[in-house]
Protein backbone atom coordinates (compact mmCIF):
# COMPACT_ATOMS: atom_id res chain seq x y z
CA MET A 1 -18.05 22.69 -24.18
CA ASP A 2 -15.40 22.78 -26.98
CA SER A 3 -16.69 22.62 -30.47
CA PRO A 4 -15.71 19.47 -32.48
CA ASP A 5 -13.75 21.69 -34.77
CA SER A 6 -11.77 23.37 -31.95
CA PRO A 7 -8.11 22.48 -32.12
CA ARG A 8 -6.99 20.24 -29.21
CA PRO A 9 -4.49 22.00 -26.85
CA SER A 10 -0.88 21.09 -27.44
CA PHE A 11 1.09 18.99 -24.95
CA PHE A 12 2.93 22.12 -23.64
CA GLU A 13 -0.40 23.99 -23.23
CA ARG A 14 -1.79 21.11 -21.18
CA LEU A 15 1.47 20.96 -19.14
CA SER A 16 1.44 24.71 -18.52
CA SER A 17 -2.27 24.49 -17.49
CA LEU A 18 -1.53 21.69 -15.05
CA LEU A 19 1.50 23.39 -13.50
CA LEU A 20 -0.10 26.87 -13.12
CA ARG A 21 -2.99 25.65 -11.12
CA GLU A 22 -2.94 24.06 -7.67
CA PRO A 23 -1.86 20.46 -8.28
CA GLU A 24 -4.32 17.84 -7.07
CA ASP A 25 -1.94 14.90 -7.37
CA ARG A 26 1.68 14.58 -8.24
CA GLU A 27 0.81 11.46 -10.12
CA GLN A 28 -1.04 13.65 -12.73
CA VAL A 29 2.17 15.53 -13.42
CA LEU A 30 4.19 12.28 -13.75
CA GLN A 31 1.59 10.71 -15.96
CA LEU A 32 1.68 13.69 -18.30
CA LEU A 33 5.47 13.66 -18.40
CA HIS A 34 5.56 9.94 -19.19
CA SER A 35 3.01 10.50 -21.93
CA ALA A 36 5.20 13.13 -23.39
CA TYR A 37 8.16 10.80 -23.34
CA GLU A 38 6.25 8.01 -25.00
CA ARG A 39 5.18 10.43 -27.73
CA ASN A 40 8.87 11.47 -28.18
CA LEU A 41 8.21 15.00 -27.03
CA MET A 42 11.05 14.68 -24.54
CA ASP A 43 13.97 12.31 -24.21
CA ALA A 44 14.83 9.96 -21.40
CA ASP A 45 17.40 12.30 -19.89
CA ALA A 46 15.00 15.15 -19.64
CA LEU A 47 12.32 12.96 -18.08
CA THR A 48 14.75 11.62 -15.54
CA ILE A 49 15.93 15.11 -14.55
CA ILE A 50 12.36 16.37 -14.09
CA GLU A 51 11.53 13.23 -12.07
CA GLY A 52 14.68 13.74 -9.97
CA ALA A 53 13.72 17.36 -9.22
CA LEU A 54 10.32 16.35 -8.16
CA ALA A 55 11.66 13.58 -5.90
CA ALA A 56 14.11 15.95 -4.28
CA SER A 57 11.41 17.52 -2.24
CA GLU A 58 10.60 14.14 -0.79
CA THR A 59 14.14 12.80 -0.26
CA ARG A 60 15.96 13.34 3.05
CA VAL A 61 19.67 13.95 3.54
CA THR A 62 19.93 10.66 5.43
CA ASP A 63 19.12 8.79 2.09
CA VAL A 64 22.13 10.22 0.18
CA LEU A 65 24.81 11.04 2.79
CA VAL A 66 28.22 9.59 2.86
CA PRO A 67 28.18 7.48 6.06
CA ARG A 68 30.42 8.49 8.94
CA ALA A 69 32.57 5.32 8.54
CA GLN A 70 33.32 6.25 4.84
CA MET A 71 34.16 9.88 5.51
CA ASP A 72 37.71 10.92 4.49
CA VAL A 73 38.88 13.27 7.24
CA ILE A 74 42.04 15.05 8.25
CA ASP A 75 43.19 15.25 11.86
CA ILE A 76 44.07 18.75 13.01
CA ASN A 77 47.26 17.34 14.63
CA ALA A 78 48.52 15.34 11.64
CA PRO A 79 51.70 16.65 10.03
CA LEU A 80 51.60 17.93 6.40
CA ALA A 81 53.59 14.85 5.33
CA GLU A 82 50.61 12.67 6.30
CA ILE A 83 47.96 15.01 5.01
CA ILE A 84 49.24 15.48 1.44
CA PRO A 85 49.16 11.62 0.62
CA VAL A 86 45.54 11.45 1.80
CA VAL A 87 44.48 14.34 -0.38
CA ILE A 88 46.23 12.86 -3.38
CA ARG A 89 44.79 9.35 -2.83
CA THR A 90 41.24 10.36 -2.29
CA GLY A 91 41.14 13.15 -4.89
CA HIS A 92 38.52 15.18 -2.94
CA SER A 93 38.44 18.97 -3.01
CA ARG A 94 37.20 19.36 0.61
CA PHE A 95 37.90 17.61 3.78
CA PRO A 96 36.35 17.74 7.27
CA VAL A 97 39.12 18.51 9.81
CA VAL A 98 38.57 16.84 13.17
CA ASP A 99 40.29 16.84 16.48
CA GLY A 100 40.80 13.12 17.29
CA ASP A 101 37.15 12.04 17.16
CA ARG A 102 34.86 12.26 14.08
CA ASP A 103 32.20 13.90 16.24
CA ASN A 104 34.53 16.82 16.88
CA VAL A 105 34.60 18.54 13.48
CA LEU A 106 36.51 21.74 13.68
CA GLY A 107 36.05 22.98 10.11
CA ILE A 108 36.54 22.27 6.45
CA LEU A 109 39.83 22.32 4.60
CA LEU A 110 39.99 23.02 0.87
CA ALA A 111 42.58 20.90 -0.97
CA LYS A 112 43.66 23.94 -3.04
CA ASP A 113 44.73 25.73 0.11
CA LEU A 114 47.45 23.16 0.59
CA LEU A 115 49.23 24.59 -2.44
CA ARG A 116 50.27 27.41 -0.04
CA ALA A 117 52.37 24.91 1.85
CA HIS A 118 54.84 24.95 -1.07
CA LEU A 119 55.47 28.62 -0.64
CA GLY A 120 58.06 27.81 1.96
CA LYS A 121 56.56 30.13 4.57
CA GLY A 122 55.10 27.31 6.80
CA PHE A 123 51.57 26.08 6.59
CA ARG A 124 49.28 26.29 9.69
CA ILE A 125 46.16 24.23 9.01
CA HIS A 126 44.28 26.23 11.79
CA GLU A 127 44.61 29.43 9.72
CA TRP A 128 42.87 27.90 6.63
CA LEU A 129 39.99 26.19 8.07
CA ARG A 130 36.52 27.17 6.62
CA PRO A 131 33.46 27.08 8.93
CA ALA A 132 31.69 23.70 8.88
CA VAL A 133 27.96 23.70 8.23
CA PHE A 134 25.94 21.27 10.30
CA ILE A 135 22.51 19.99 9.21
CA PRO A 136 20.05 17.38 10.46
CA GLU A 137 19.46 14.03 8.75
CA SER A 138 15.82 14.98 8.18
CA LYS A 139 16.53 17.99 5.91
CA ARG A 140 15.02 17.65 2.48
CA LEU A 141 17.31 17.83 -0.59
CA ASN A 142 15.55 20.66 -2.30
CA VAL A 143 15.95 22.84 0.89
CA LEU A 144 19.60 21.78 1.17
CA LEU A 145 20.33 22.67 -2.48
CA ARG A 146 18.78 26.04 -2.08
CA GLU A 147 20.95 26.69 1.04
CA PHE A 148 24.02 25.50 -0.79
CA ARG A 149 23.32 27.96 -3.59
CA VAL A 150 22.76 30.86 -1.25
CA SER A 151 25.64 30.24 1.11
CA ARG A 152 28.00 28.98 -1.59
CA ASN A 153 29.02 26.06 0.57
CA HIS A 154 29.65 22.73 -1.17
CA MET A 155 29.77 20.50 1.88
CA ALA A 156 27.67 19.95 5.02
CA ILE A 157 28.22 17.73 8.05
CA VAL A 158 25.12 15.64 8.89
CA VAL A 159 24.31 15.14 12.59
CA ASP A 160 21.84 12.73 14.20
CA GLU A 161 19.34 13.55 16.81
CA TYR A 162 21.94 13.13 19.57
CA GLY A 163 24.35 15.58 18.05
CA GLY A 164 26.77 12.94 16.74
CA VAL A 165 28.11 12.97 13.25
CA ALA A 166 26.14 10.71 10.94
CA GLY A 167 28.07 11.49 7.73
CA LEU A 168 28.51 14.23 5.27
CA VAL A 169 26.82 15.42 2.12
CA THR A 170 28.13 17.58 -0.75
CA ILE A 171 26.35 19.57 -3.46
CA GLU A 172 27.54 16.95 -5.89
CA ASP A 173 25.66 14.24 -3.95
CA VAL A 174 22.50 16.36 -4.17
CA LEU A 175 22.81 17.13 -7.81
CA GLU A 176 23.58 13.47 -8.58
CA GLN A 177 20.24 12.59 -7.18
CA ILE A 178 18.60 14.86 -9.73
CA VAL A 179 20.74 14.56 -12.82
CA GLY A 180 23.00 11.58 -12.14
CA ASP A 181 20.63 8.68 -11.68
CA ILE A 182 19.86 8.43 -15.39
CA GLU A 183 18.76 4.93 -16.11
CA ASP A 184 21.26 2.93 -18.24
CA GLU A 185 22.10 -0.72 -18.66
CA TYR A 186 23.51 -0.84 -15.13
CA ASP A 187 20.47 0.68 -13.32
CA PHE A 188 17.49 -1.08 -11.79
CA ASP A 189 15.19 0.39 -9.38
CA GLU A 190 13.17 -2.23 -7.45
CA ALA A 191 14.20 -2.13 -3.83
CA HIS A 192 13.62 -5.79 -3.42
CA ASP A 193 15.51 -6.77 -6.52
CA ASN A 194 19.14 -6.20 -5.70
CA ILE A 195 20.42 -9.01 -7.79
CA ARG A 196 19.50 -9.28 -11.47
CA LEU A 197 20.43 -11.63 -14.27
CA ASP A 198 20.88 -9.81 -17.58
CA ALA A 199 20.40 -11.04 -21.09
CA ALA A 200 23.97 -12.11 -21.36
CA GLY A 201 23.74 -14.44 -18.38
CA ARG A 202 25.72 -12.22 -16.04
CA TYR A 203 24.62 -11.05 -12.62
CA ARG A 204 24.34 -7.40 -11.73
CA ILE A 205 23.94 -6.38 -8.06
CA LYS A 206 23.54 -3.23 -6.12
CA ALA A 207 26.50 -2.38 -3.84
CA GLN A 208 23.92 -1.90 -1.04
CA THR A 209 22.96 -5.61 -1.23
CA GLY A 210 23.19 -7.18 2.22
CA ILE A 211 25.98 -9.74 2.91
CA GLU A 212 23.40 -12.21 4.14
CA ALA A 213 21.31 -11.88 1.04
CA PHE A 214 24.39 -12.22 -1.12
CA ASN A 215 25.50 -15.35 0.71
CA GLN A 216 22.12 -16.94 0.30
CA ALA A 217 22.05 -16.22 -3.43
CA PHE A 218 25.59 -17.15 -4.34
CA GLY A 219 26.33 -19.83 -1.68
CA THR A 220 29.17 -17.80 -0.29
CA ARG A 221 30.26 -17.39 3.41
CA PHE A 222 31.38 -13.85 3.66
CA ALA A 223 31.24 -12.63 7.29
CA ASP A 224 29.03 -9.62 8.10
CA ASP A 225 30.37 -8.72 11.53
CA GLU A 226 32.42 -5.76 10.27
CA PHE A 227 30.19 -4.60 7.38
CA ASP A 228 26.63 -5.09 6.27
CA THR A 229 26.74 -4.72 2.47
CA VAL A 230 28.70 -6.08 -0.53
CA GLY A 231 29.95 -2.50 -1.08
CA GLY A 232 31.34 -2.57 2.42
CA LEU A 233 33.01 -5.88 1.74
CA ILE A 234 34.87 -4.48 -1.24
CA LEU A 235 35.76 -1.26 0.42
CA ARG A 236 37.25 -3.18 3.37
CA HIS A 237 39.16 -5.59 1.07
CA LEU A 238 40.73 -2.76 -1.05
CA GLY A 239 40.95 -0.01 1.63
CA ARG A 240 39.67 2.50 -0.93
CA VAL A 241 36.81 3.18 -3.40
CA PRO A 242 37.59 1.34 -6.61
CA LYS A 243 37.10 3.00 -9.98
CA ARG A 244 34.64 2.21 -12.70
CA ASN A 245 35.49 -1.03 -14.60
CA GLU A 246 38.03 -2.03 -11.98
CA GLN A 247 37.82 -5.76 -11.02
CA VAL A 248 38.22 -7.17 -7.56
CA GLU A 249 38.36 -10.93 -6.74
CA ILE A 250 37.52 -12.09 -3.25
CA ASP A 251 37.27 -15.76 -2.40
CA GLY A 252 36.62 -16.90 -5.97
CA ILE A 253 33.98 -14.16 -6.64
CA CYS A 254 35.00 -11.52 -9.24
CA PHE A 255 33.40 -8.12 -8.77
CA GLN A 256 33.58 -5.68 -11.62
CA VAL A 257 32.63 -2.05 -10.74
CA LEU A 258 29.94 -0.80 -13.22
CA ARG A 259 29.06 2.35 -11.50
CA ALA A 260 30.84 4.33 -8.79
CA ASP A 261 31.91 7.88 -7.96
CA SER A 262 34.82 9.05 -5.85
CA ARG A 263 32.93 8.28 -2.60
CA ARG A 264 30.60 5.36 -3.17
CA LEU A 265 29.95 2.18 -5.04
CA TYR A 266 26.58 1.77 -6.77
CA THR A 267 26.45 -1.19 -9.20
CA LEU A 268 28.58 -4.26 -9.63
CA MET A 269 28.84 -7.14 -12.06
CA VAL A 270 29.41 -10.46 -10.40
CA ASP A 271 31.17 -13.48 -11.94
CA ARG A 272 31.25 -16.54 -9.79
CA ARG A 273 34.09 -18.76 -10.65
CA PRO A 274 33.05 -22.27 -9.52
CA GLN A 275 35.73 -24.52 -8.03
CA PRO A 276 36.59 -27.64 -9.99
CA GLY A 277 34.19 -30.46 -9.29
CA THR A 278 31.60 -28.39 -7.53
CA GLY A 279 29.27 -28.11 -10.53
CA ASP A 280 28.01 -24.81 -9.18
CA ALA A 281 25.81 -23.12 -11.76
CA GLY A 282 25.44 -19.88 -9.84
CA PRO A 283 22.69 -18.35 -7.79
CA PRO A 284 19.12 -19.54 -8.48
CA GLN A 285 17.28 -16.60 -6.99
CA PRO A 286 17.89 -13.42 -9.09
CA GLN A 287 15.09 -12.38 -11.45
CA GLU A 288 15.89 -12.51 -15.11
CA GLU A 289 15.30 -9.29 -17.02
CA ALA A 290 12.69 -9.21 -19.76
């Protein structure tokens, strides 16, 4: 037993002691980390990154992939005049190259290789394809990140149990799960709480909010036969992924993009503009933030 006069171990000594022995419970690690944050021994960014690194070992590729329908691909038979505008419009550095069907991925084309087309010697896309890496939906992110580092690949094609293409994942997608999901005024985590009312009286929603749930909350009648989520509705309306702070109005509903990357929408601000005489005060269901 320690003597009353013995100095108490510092936080870092306790953390080292905990991490060096066989962990009994991950919750013990998280509790210690949150205790350190509350005592100002680490900032919110550091806490989020550590939590993201811990969560990566439990997160599957299927949870972060870019779905098949949202993949930007290049057809092997497309002329260069059609390929260049796609590359410029999407701004990606890598593209899966397919032969007609998205299940038939031939390889990966790097956008920088298209610069060779301007040399005037003729560009044959077949000659510049990089091998495509195929991975299962069940692969864990920490394993995938290690494979990305070893192989120096930045993109993998995700296949389902039947061998069909389910989507794609990039090293940026994996890293974003660790360092990119830093909580800010636009983030909220509860899975059941996709629609929130903030202190300013504005509604923030996750792009993954289902069309049916959105219709119930806002009294709208958006069809869900072609897409399941609000993000899908906006992508279909625009035909592209909007940029941060861009506003989109659909049937009297104004959506402002709060958080998005080059491939996906994450968080939106919703401003319902009631029709004259309707007296619509907005959705009654979202939970107000404390």
